[in-house]
Amino acid sequence: MNRYLLDTNVLLFHLFDEEQLTKDVKRIIGDYSNEIYVSSESVRELMNLLQAGRIRPKELNSAEDVIDFINDKTRFVIKYVKEEHFRTFSKLPFYDDHRDQRDRMIIAHAITENLTLISSDTKFFRYERNGLSWAYNYKK
């Protein structure tokens, strides 16, 4: 059994545009022996995207639907941010070209919980030296 944390972009692709996922990522998510988690930070980010009108999936009427949708339509478990995640977050380096606080919190969540983070973000490799294990969802 392996344990994975989905980055927000991979969660969005899985829920609404699976063609954006690689075969390897689809296999990981589809393997029921794997535990798949979503950070509460990704839930918050998804709600913000809906409220700002940046995404408009027909499956969701409002930001209020996000948690129920994840709980009812996936087997993913939402992991909530706790004090220990903030402690890891506070130790992560700040890179000039990667200052996204949401990404950094999700990275801290994965490091703290010893989860492999699945993301399409090319900049996450830098955090390997901080203990991040990650799988890259790169689709040509």
Foldseek 3Di string as FASTA:
>chain_A
DAEEEEDLVVVCCVVPNVVLFDPVVCVQQPPPVYAYEYEVLSLVVVQVCQVVVVDDDPVDPHSVCSVVCCVPVGPYYYDYDDPQLVVLLVPDDADPVDHPSSVSSSQSVCQSVVHAYEEQDPPCVVCVVVPHHYDHGDDD
